[in-house]
């Protein structure tokens, strides 16, 4: 089971169209009000070769897409494909979700990996990133207290 705590919204989704979950309840985040069971997910590590190939193509073209801020694109051009793939597999999603904490990187991932492959969620080393809100369940935290 994966857990998410959202305090200022009635939706589990971010403004970027994803929701980040941890594989454990972290006390400093508070009681989680959303869960995800891991269904219909792809392990992000299994996407590593595809991420690297797409990233290398963007490096070769010198272009990451119309949706990417030009300043972010300039920075992305300095990142190797191996390092980029590592950024999409955060080891401690609560401390830093790495690429998924950044709108441009998340947008690139969605446009180049998620959408073309019909991916609904990815599992990270200690969590999950969900792109399909229908997979997320709201917990009735008050009723459980």
N, C-alpha and C. Protein backbone atom coordinates (compact mmCIF):
# COMPACT_ATOMS: atom_id res chain seq x y z
N UNK A 1 0.85 -1.17 0.00
CA UNK A 1 0.00 0.00 0.00
C UNK A 1 0.90 1.24 0.00
N UNK A 2 0.42 2.30 -0.64
CA UNK A 2 1.14 3.57 -0.74
C UNK A 2 0.27 4.67 -0.16
N UNK A 3 0.91 5.68 0.44
CA UNK A 3 0.18 6.69 1.21
C UNK A 3 0.53 8.10 0.76
N UNK A 4 -0.49 8.98 0.82
CA UNK A 4 -0.31 10.39 0.47
C UNK A 4 -1.13 11.24 1.43
N UNK A 5 -0.53 12.32 1.89
CA UNK A 5 -1.21 13.28 2.74
C UNK A 5 -1.31 14.60 1.99
N UNK A 6 -2.52 15.09 1.83
CA UNK A 6 -2.78 16.37 1.18
C UNK A 6 -3.54 17.22 2.17
N UNK A 7 -3.02 18.40 2.48
CA UNK A 7 -3.63 19.23 3.52
C UNK A 7 -4.43 20.41 2.98
N UNK A 8 -4.14 20.90 1.78
CA UNK A 8 -4.76 22.13 1.31
C UNK A 8 -5.61 21.96 0.07
N UNK A 9 -6.08 20.77 -0.19
CA UNK A 9 -6.82 20.53 -1.42
C UNK A 9 -7.79 19.37 -1.22
N UNK A 10 -8.83 19.36 -2.02
CA UNK A 10 -9.75 18.22 -2.00
C UNK A 10 -9.41 17.21 -3.09
N UNK A 11 -8.27 17.37 -3.70
CA UNK A 11 -7.82 16.45 -4.75
C UNK A 11 -6.44 15.92 -4.39
N UNK A 12 -6.19 14.66 -4.68
CA UNK A 12 -4.86 14.11 -4.43
C UNK A 12 -3.83 14.54 -5.48
N UNK A 13 -4.31 15.09 -6.61
CA UNK A 13 -3.44 15.39 -7.74
C UNK A 13 -2.77 16.75 -7.60
N UNK A 14 -1.54 16.82 -8.08
CA UNK A 14 -0.81 18.09 -8.11
C UNK A 14 -1.30 18.91 -9.30
N UNK A 15 -0.87 20.14 -9.37
CA UNK A 15 -1.18 20.99 -10.52
C UNK A 15 -0.55 20.44 -11.80
N UNK A 16 0.42 19.54 -11.66
CA UNK A 16 1.14 18.99 -12.81
C UNK A 16 0.54 17.66 -13.27
N UNK A 17 -0.54 17.21 -12.63
CA UNK A 17 -1.22 16.00 -13.07
C UNK A 17 -0.67 14.70 -12.52
N UNK A 18 -0.01 14.77 -11.38
CA UNK A 18 0.47 13.54 -10.76
C UNK A 18 0.27 13.62 -9.25
N UNK A 19 0.34 12.46 -8.61
CA UNK A 19 0.26 12.39 -7.15
C UNK A 19 1.39 11.49 -6.68
N UNK A 20 2.14 11.97 -5.70
CA UNK A 20 3.28 11.21 -5.19
C UNK A 20 2.89 10.50 -3.89
N UNK A 21 3.26 9.24 -3.81
CA UNK A 21 2.93 8.39 -2.67
C UNK A 21 4.19 7.77 -2.09
N UNK A 22 4.18 7.53 -0.80
CA UNK A 22 5.26 6.83 -0.10
C UNK A 22 4.80 5.41 0.23
N UNK A 23 5.75 4.49 0.32
CA UNK A 23 5.38 3.11 0.68
C UNK A 23 5.23 2.92 2.19
N UNK A 24 5.35 4.01 2.95
CA UNK A 24 5.17 3.93 4.40
C UNK A 24 4.56 5.25 4.90
N UNK A 25 3.94 5.17 6.05
CA UNK A 25 3.38 6.37 6.67
C UNK A 25 4.51 7.07 7.42
N UNK A 26 4.74 8.32 7.07
CA UNK A 26 5.79 9.11 7.70
C UNK A 26 5.14 10.04 8.73
N UNK A 27 5.53 9.95 10.00
CA UNK A 27 4.86 10.73 11.05
C UNK A 27 4.87 12.25 10.82
N UNK A 28 5.91 12.80 10.23
CA UNK A 28 5.95 14.25 10.07
C UNK A 28 4.98 14.74 9.01
N UNK A 29 4.51 13.88 8.12
CA UNK A 29 3.55 14.28 7.10
C UNK A 29 2.12 14.32 7.62
N UNK A 30 1.88 13.68 8.74
CA UNK A 30 0.52 13.59 9.26
C UNK A 30 -0.17 12.35 8.73
N UNK A 31 -1.37 12.14 9.18
CA UNK A 31 -2.13 10.96 8.79
C UNK A 31 -2.48 11.04 7.30
N UNK A 32 -2.17 10.01 6.53
CA UNK A 32 -2.46 10.06 5.10
C UNK A 32 -3.97 10.04 4.84
N UNK A 33 -4.41 10.82 3.87
CA UNK A 33 -5.82 10.83 3.53
C UNK A 33 -6.09 10.21 2.15
N UNK A 34 -5.04 9.69 1.51
CA UNK A 34 -5.20 9.00 0.24
C UNK A 34 -4.31 7.76 0.23
N UNK A 35 -4.78 6.72 -0.45
CA UNK A 35 -3.98 5.51 -0.62
C UNK A 35 -4.02 5.08 -2.09
N UNK A 36 -3.03 4.31 -2.43
CA UNK A 36 -2.92 3.71 -3.76
C UNK A 36 -2.37 2.31 -3.54
N UNK A 37 -2.97 1.32 -4.20
CA UNK A 37 -2.60 -0.07 -3.94
C UNK A 37 -1.50 -0.64 -4.85
N UNK A 38 -0.97 0.17 -5.74
CA UNK A 38 0.11 -0.29 -6.61
C UNK A 38 -0.37 -0.94 -7.90
N UNK A 39 -1.67 -1.01 -8.09
CA UNK A 39 -2.19 -1.66 -9.29
C UNK A 39 -1.91 -0.84 -10.55
N UNK A 40 -1.80 -1.53 -11.65
CA UNK A 40 -1.62 -0.95 -12.99
C UNK A 40 -0.38 -0.06 -13.10
N UNK A 41 0.63 -0.38 -12.31
CA UNK A 41 1.87 0.42 -12.30
C UNK A 41 2.99 -0.29 -13.04
N UNK A 42 3.91 0.52 -13.51
CA UNK A 42 5.14 0.04 -14.13
C UNK A 42 6.28 0.48 -13.21
N UNK A 43 7.24 -0.39 -12.99
CA UNK A 43 8.39 0.01 -12.19
C UNK A 43 9.23 0.98 -13.01
N UNK A 44 9.52 2.13 -12.45
CA UNK A 44 10.27 3.15 -13.18
C UNK A 44 11.65 2.64 -13.59
N UNK A 45 12.21 1.72 -12.84
CA UNK A 45 13.52 1.16 -13.21
C UNK A 45 13.43 0.37 -14.51
N UNK A 46 12.26 -0.22 -14.79
CA UNK A 46 12.06 -0.94 -16.04
C UNK A 46 11.96 0.00 -17.24
N UNK A 47 11.76 1.29 -16.97
CA UNK A 47 11.67 2.29 -18.03
C UNK A 47 13.00 2.98 -18.30
N UNK A 48 14.02 2.61 -17.57
CA UNK A 48 15.31 3.29 -17.64
C UNK A 48 15.86 3.38 -19.06
N UNK A 49 15.86 2.29 -19.79
CA UNK A 49 16.40 2.31 -21.16
C UNK A 49 15.60 3.25 -22.05
N UNK A 50 14.29 3.24 -21.91
CA UNK A 50 13.45 4.13 -22.72
C UNK A 50 13.68 5.59 -22.34
N UNK A 51 13.78 5.87 -21.05
CA UNK A 51 14.07 7.24 -20.60
C UNK A 51 15.38 7.72 -21.20
N UNK A 52 16.41 6.88 -21.11
CA UNK A 52 17.72 7.25 -21.64
C UNK A 52 17.67 7.49 -23.14
N UNK A 53 16.98 6.64 -23.88
CA UNK A 53 16.89 6.79 -25.33
C UNK A 53 16.18 8.09 -25.70
N UNK A 54 15.07 8.37 -25.04
CA UNK A 54 14.32 9.61 -25.32
C UNK A 54 15.15 10.83 -24.92
N UNK A 55 15.81 10.74 -23.77
CA UNK A 55 16.63 11.86 -23.30
C UNK A 55 17.78 12.13 -24.28
N UNK A 56 18.45 11.06 -24.70
CA UNK A 56 19.54 11.21 -25.67
C UNK A 56 19.05 11.84 -26.97
N UNK A 57 17.85 11.47 -27.39
CA UNK A 57 17.28 12.07 -28.60
C UNK A 57 17.07 13.58 -28.40
N UNK A 58 16.58 13.96 -27.23
CA UNK A 58 16.40 15.38 -26.93
C UNK A 58 17.74 16.11 -26.88
N UNK A 59 18.75 15.47 -26.31
CA UNK A 59 20.09 16.07 -26.29
C UNK A 59 20.62 16.25 -27.70
N UNK A 60 20.43 15.24 -28.53
CA UNK A 60 20.89 15.31 -29.92
C UNK A 60 20.17 16.42 -30.69
N UNK A 61 18.86 16.53 -30.46
CA UNK A 61 18.06 17.56 -31.13
C UNK A 61 18.26 18.95 -30.53
N UNK A 62 18.77 18.97 -29.27
CA UNK A 62 18.89 20.24 -28.56
C UNK A 62 17.54 20.84 -28.22
N UNK A 63 16.56 19.97 -28.03
CA UNK A 63 15.17 20.42 -27.86
C UNK A 63 14.41 19.41 -27.00
N UNK A 64 13.78 19.92 -25.93
CA UNK A 64 13.04 19.06 -25.02
C UNK A 64 11.53 19.19 -25.14
N UNK A 65 11.05 20.09 -25.99
CA UNK A 65 9.61 20.19 -26.22
C UNK A 65 9.06 21.58 -25.99
N UNK A 66 7.95 21.85 -26.62
CA UNK A 66 7.30 23.16 -26.52
C UNK A 66 6.82 23.47 -25.10
N UNK A 67 6.52 22.45 -24.32
CA UNK A 67 5.97 22.64 -22.97
C UNK A 67 7.03 22.97 -21.93
N UNK A 68 8.29 22.86 -22.30
CA UNK A 68 9.39 23.05 -21.36
C UNK A 68 9.87 24.50 -21.38
N UNK A 69 9.99 25.09 -20.21
CA UNK A 69 10.49 26.46 -20.08
C UNK A 69 11.90 26.53 -20.68
N UNK A 70 12.19 27.54 -21.48
CA UNK A 70 13.52 27.63 -22.11
C UNK A 70 14.68 27.63 -21.11
N UNK A 71 14.49 28.24 -19.94
CA UNK A 71 15.56 28.21 -18.92
C UNK A 71 15.76 26.80 -18.38
N UNK A 72 14.67 26.09 -18.18
CA UNK A 72 14.77 24.70 -17.71
C UNK A 72 15.42 23.84 -18.79
N UNK A 73 15.03 24.08 -20.05
CA UNK A 73 15.60 23.31 -21.15
C UNK A 73 17.11 23.49 -21.22
N UNK A 74 17.58 24.71 -21.01
CA UNK A 74 19.02 24.97 -21.03
C UNK A 74 19.72 24.14 -19.96
N UNK A 75 19.11 24.04 -18.79
CA UNK A 75 19.70 23.24 -17.72
C UNK A 75 19.62 21.75 -18.05
N UNK A 76 18.51 21.32 -18.62
CA UNK A 76 18.33 19.91 -18.97
C UNK A 76 19.35 19.46 -20.00
N UNK A 77 19.76 20.35 -20.88
CA UNK A 77 20.75 20.01 -21.89
C UNK A 77 22.10 19.65 -21.29
N UNK A 78 22.33 20.03 -20.04
CA UNK A 78 23.57 19.71 -19.36
C UNK A 78 23.53 18.43 -18.55
N UNK A 79 22.43 17.69 -18.64
CA UNK A 79 22.25 16.47 -17.85
C UNK A 79 22.38 15.25 -18.77
N UNK A 80 23.22 14.31 -18.37
CA UNK A 80 23.38 13.09 -19.17
C UNK A 80 22.13 12.22 -19.06
N UNK A 81 21.97 11.33 -20.02
CA UNK A 81 20.82 10.42 -20.02
C UNK A 81 20.84 9.52 -18.78
N UNK A 82 22.02 9.06 -18.38
CA UNK A 82 22.12 8.22 -17.18
C UNK A 82 21.66 8.98 -15.94
N UNK A 83 22.12 10.22 -15.80
CA UNK A 83 21.73 11.04 -14.65
C UNK A 83 20.24 11.36 -14.70
N UNK A 84 19.71 11.61 -15.88
CA UNK A 84 18.28 11.89 -16.01
C UNK A 84 17.46 10.69 -15.56
N UNK A 85 17.82 9.50 -16.02
CA UNK A 85 17.09 8.29 -15.62
C UNK A 85 17.11 8.11 -14.11
N UNK A 86 18.25 8.40 -13.49
CA UNK A 86 18.36 8.31 -12.02
C UNK A 86 17.41 9.29 -11.33
N UNK A 87 17.20 10.46 -11.93
CA UNK A 87 16.32 11.47 -11.33
C UNK A 87 14.87 11.02 -11.29
N UNK A 88 14.49 10.11 -12.17
CA UNK A 88 13.13 9.60 -12.19
C UNK A 88 12.94 8.38 -11.28
N UNK A 89 13.98 8.02 -10.54
CA UNK A 89 13.91 6.90 -9.60
C UNK A 89 14.39 7.35 -8.22
N UNK A 90 13.66 8.29 -7.60
CA UNK A 90 14.10 8.80 -6.30
C UNK A 90 14.17 7.69 -5.26
N UNK A 91 15.24 7.71 -4.49
CA UNK A 91 15.47 6.66 -3.49
C UNK A 91 14.72 6.93 -2.18
N UNK A 92 14.42 8.20 -1.90
CA UNK A 92 13.69 8.58 -0.69
C UNK A 92 12.67 9.65 -1.09
N UNK A 93 11.50 9.21 -1.53
CA UNK A 93 10.52 10.10 -2.14
C UNK A 93 10.02 11.18 -1.18
N UNK A 94 10.08 10.93 0.12
CA UNK A 94 9.63 11.95 1.07
C UNK A 94 10.65 13.07 1.17
N UNK A 95 11.93 12.74 1.21
CA UNK A 95 12.96 13.78 1.30
C UNK A 95 13.08 14.56 0.00
N UNK A 96 13.02 13.84 -1.12
CA UNK A 96 13.10 14.49 -2.42
C UNK A 96 12.58 13.53 -3.49
N UNK A 97 11.59 13.99 -4.21
CA UNK A 97 11.07 13.19 -5.32
C UNK A 97 11.84 13.49 -6.59
N UNK A 98 12.95 14.21 -6.45
CA UNK A 98 13.88 14.54 -7.52
C UNK A 98 13.15 15.09 -8.75
N UNK A 99 13.16 14.42 -9.89
CA UNK A 99 12.55 14.95 -11.11
C UNK A 99 11.06 15.22 -10.94
N UNK A 100 10.39 14.44 -10.10
CA UNK A 100 8.95 14.61 -9.93
C UNK A 100 8.60 15.81 -9.04
N UNK A 101 9.61 16.47 -8.49
CA UNK A 101 9.41 17.72 -7.75
C UNK A 101 9.53 18.94 -8.67
N UNK A 102 9.73 18.71 -9.94
CA UNK A 102 9.97 19.80 -10.90
C UNK A 102 8.94 19.72 -12.04
N UNK A 103 8.26 20.83 -12.30
CA UNK A 103 7.21 20.86 -13.33
C UNK A 103 7.74 20.50 -14.71
N UNK A 104 8.88 21.03 -15.09
CA UNK A 104 9.41 20.77 -16.43
C UNK A 104 9.85 19.32 -16.60
N UNK A 105 10.51 18.76 -15.60
CA UNK A 105 10.93 17.37 -15.69
C UNK A 105 9.72 16.44 -15.71
N UNK A 106 8.73 16.74 -14.86
CA UNK A 106 7.52 15.93 -14.83
C UNK A 106 6.78 16.02 -16.15
N UNK A 107 6.69 17.21 -16.71
CA UNK A 107 6.05 17.40 -18.02
C UNK A 107 6.77 16.60 -19.08
N UNK A 108 8.10 16.68 -19.09
CA UNK A 108 8.87 15.91 -20.07
C UNK A 108 8.57 14.42 -19.94
N UNK A 109 8.57 13.92 -18.70
CA UNK A 109 8.31 12.50 -18.45
C UNK A 109 6.92 12.11 -18.95
N UNK A 110 5.94 12.94 -18.66
CA UNK A 110 4.57 12.63 -19.11
C UNK A 110 4.48 12.62 -20.64
N UNK A 111 5.04 13.62 -21.28
CA UNK A 111 4.93 13.72 -22.74
C UNK A 111 5.73 12.66 -23.48
N UNK A 112 6.84 12.23 -22.90
CA UNK A 112 7.74 11.31 -23.60
C UNK A 112 7.64 9.86 -23.16
N UNK A 113 7.17 9.62 -21.95
CA UNK A 113 7.14 8.25 -21.42
C UNK A 113 5.72 7.83 -21.06
N UNK A 114 5.04 8.61 -20.24
CA UNK A 114 3.72 8.22 -19.73
C UNK A 114 2.68 8.15 -20.84
N UNK A 115 2.47 9.26 -21.54
CA UNK A 115 1.41 9.31 -22.54
C UNK A 115 1.62 8.35 -23.71
N UNK A 116 2.81 8.29 -24.31
CA UNK A 116 2.98 7.37 -25.44
C UNK A 116 2.80 5.89 -25.07
N UNK A 117 3.02 5.57 -23.79
CA UNK A 117 2.94 4.17 -23.36
C UNK A 117 1.67 3.85 -22.58
N UNK A 118 0.78 4.82 -22.42
CA UNK A 118 -0.45 4.59 -21.67
C UNK A 118 -0.22 4.22 -20.22
N UNK A 119 0.82 4.78 -19.62
CA UNK A 119 1.17 4.46 -18.23
C UNK A 119 0.26 5.22 -17.28
N UNK A 120 -0.26 4.52 -16.29
CA UNK A 120 -1.16 5.11 -15.30
C UNK A 120 -0.44 5.45 -14.00
N UNK A 121 0.64 4.73 -13.71
CA UNK A 121 1.41 4.96 -12.48
C UNK A 121 2.78 4.30 -12.63
N UNK A 122 3.75 4.84 -11.89
CA UNK A 122 5.07 4.21 -11.83
C UNK A 122 5.44 3.99 -10.37
N UNK A 123 6.11 2.88 -10.13
CA UNK A 123 6.63 2.59 -8.80
C UNK A 123 8.08 3.04 -8.75
N UNK A 124 8.44 3.71 -7.67
CA UNK A 124 9.81 4.16 -7.44
C UNK A 124 10.41 3.26 -6.36
N UNK A 125 11.69 3.40 -6.03
CA UNK A 125 12.27 2.52 -5.02
C UNK A 125 11.54 2.52 -3.66
N UNK A 126 10.89 3.62 -3.29
CA UNK A 126 10.16 3.62 -2.02
C UNK A 126 8.81 4.33 -2.10
N UNK A 127 8.22 4.33 -3.30
CA UNK A 127 6.94 5.00 -3.43
C UNK A 127 6.32 4.78 -4.79
N UNK A 128 5.42 5.69 -5.14
CA UNK A 128 4.73 5.60 -6.42
C UNK A 128 4.35 7.00 -6.89
N UNK A 129 4.30 7.15 -8.20
CA UNK A 129 3.80 8.37 -8.83
C UNK A 129 2.60 7.93 -9.64
N UNK A 130 1.44 8.49 -9.33
CA UNK A 130 0.19 8.10 -9.98
C UNK A 130 -0.25 9.23 -10.91
N UNK A 131 -0.57 8.87 -12.14
CA UNK A 131 -1.02 9.84 -13.15
C UNK A 131 -2.52 9.71 -13.43
N UNK A 132 -3.12 8.62 -13.02
CA UNK A 132 -4.55 8.36 -13.24
C UNK A 132 -5.27 8.43 -11.89
N UNK A 133 -6.01 9.50 -11.68
CA UNK A 133 -6.67 9.74 -10.39
C UNK A 133 -7.64 8.64 -10.00
N UNK A 134 -8.18 7.92 -10.97
CA UNK A 134 -9.15 6.87 -10.65
C UNK A 134 -8.53 5.72 -9.87
N UNK A 135 -7.21 5.62 -9.84
CA UNK A 135 -6.52 4.57 -9.09
C UNK A 135 -6.36 4.91 -7.61
N UNK A 136 -6.66 6.14 -7.25
CA UNK A 136 -6.43 6.65 -5.89
C UNK A 136 -7.71 6.56 -5.08
N UNK A 137 -7.56 6.12 -3.84
CA UNK A 137 -8.70 6.01 -2.92
C UNK A 137 -8.53 7.02 -1.79
N UNK A 138 -9.64 7.70 -1.46
CA UNK A 138 -9.64 8.64 -0.34
C UNK A 138 -9.92 7.87 0.94
N UNK A 139 -9.16 8.15 1.96
CA UNK A 139 -9.37 7.54 3.29
C UNK A 139 -10.22 8.47 4.12
N UNK A 140 -11.11 7.91 4.90
CA UNK A 140 -11.91 8.68 5.84
C UNK A 140 -11.14 8.71 7.15
N UNK A 141 -10.22 9.66 7.25
CA UNK A 141 -9.31 9.73 8.40
C UNK A 141 -10.07 9.98 9.69
N UNK A 142 -11.09 10.86 9.66
CA UNK A 142 -11.85 11.17 10.88
C UNK A 142 -12.57 9.93 11.42
N UNK A 143 -13.15 9.12 10.53
CA UNK A 143 -13.87 7.93 10.96
C UNK A 143 -12.94 6.89 11.56
N UNK A 144 -11.67 6.91 11.15
CA UNK A 144 -10.71 5.94 11.67
C UNK A 144 -10.12 6.35 13.00
N UNK A 145 -10.23 7.64 13.35
CA UNK A 145 -9.61 8.15 14.58
C UNK A 145 -10.36 7.72 15.83
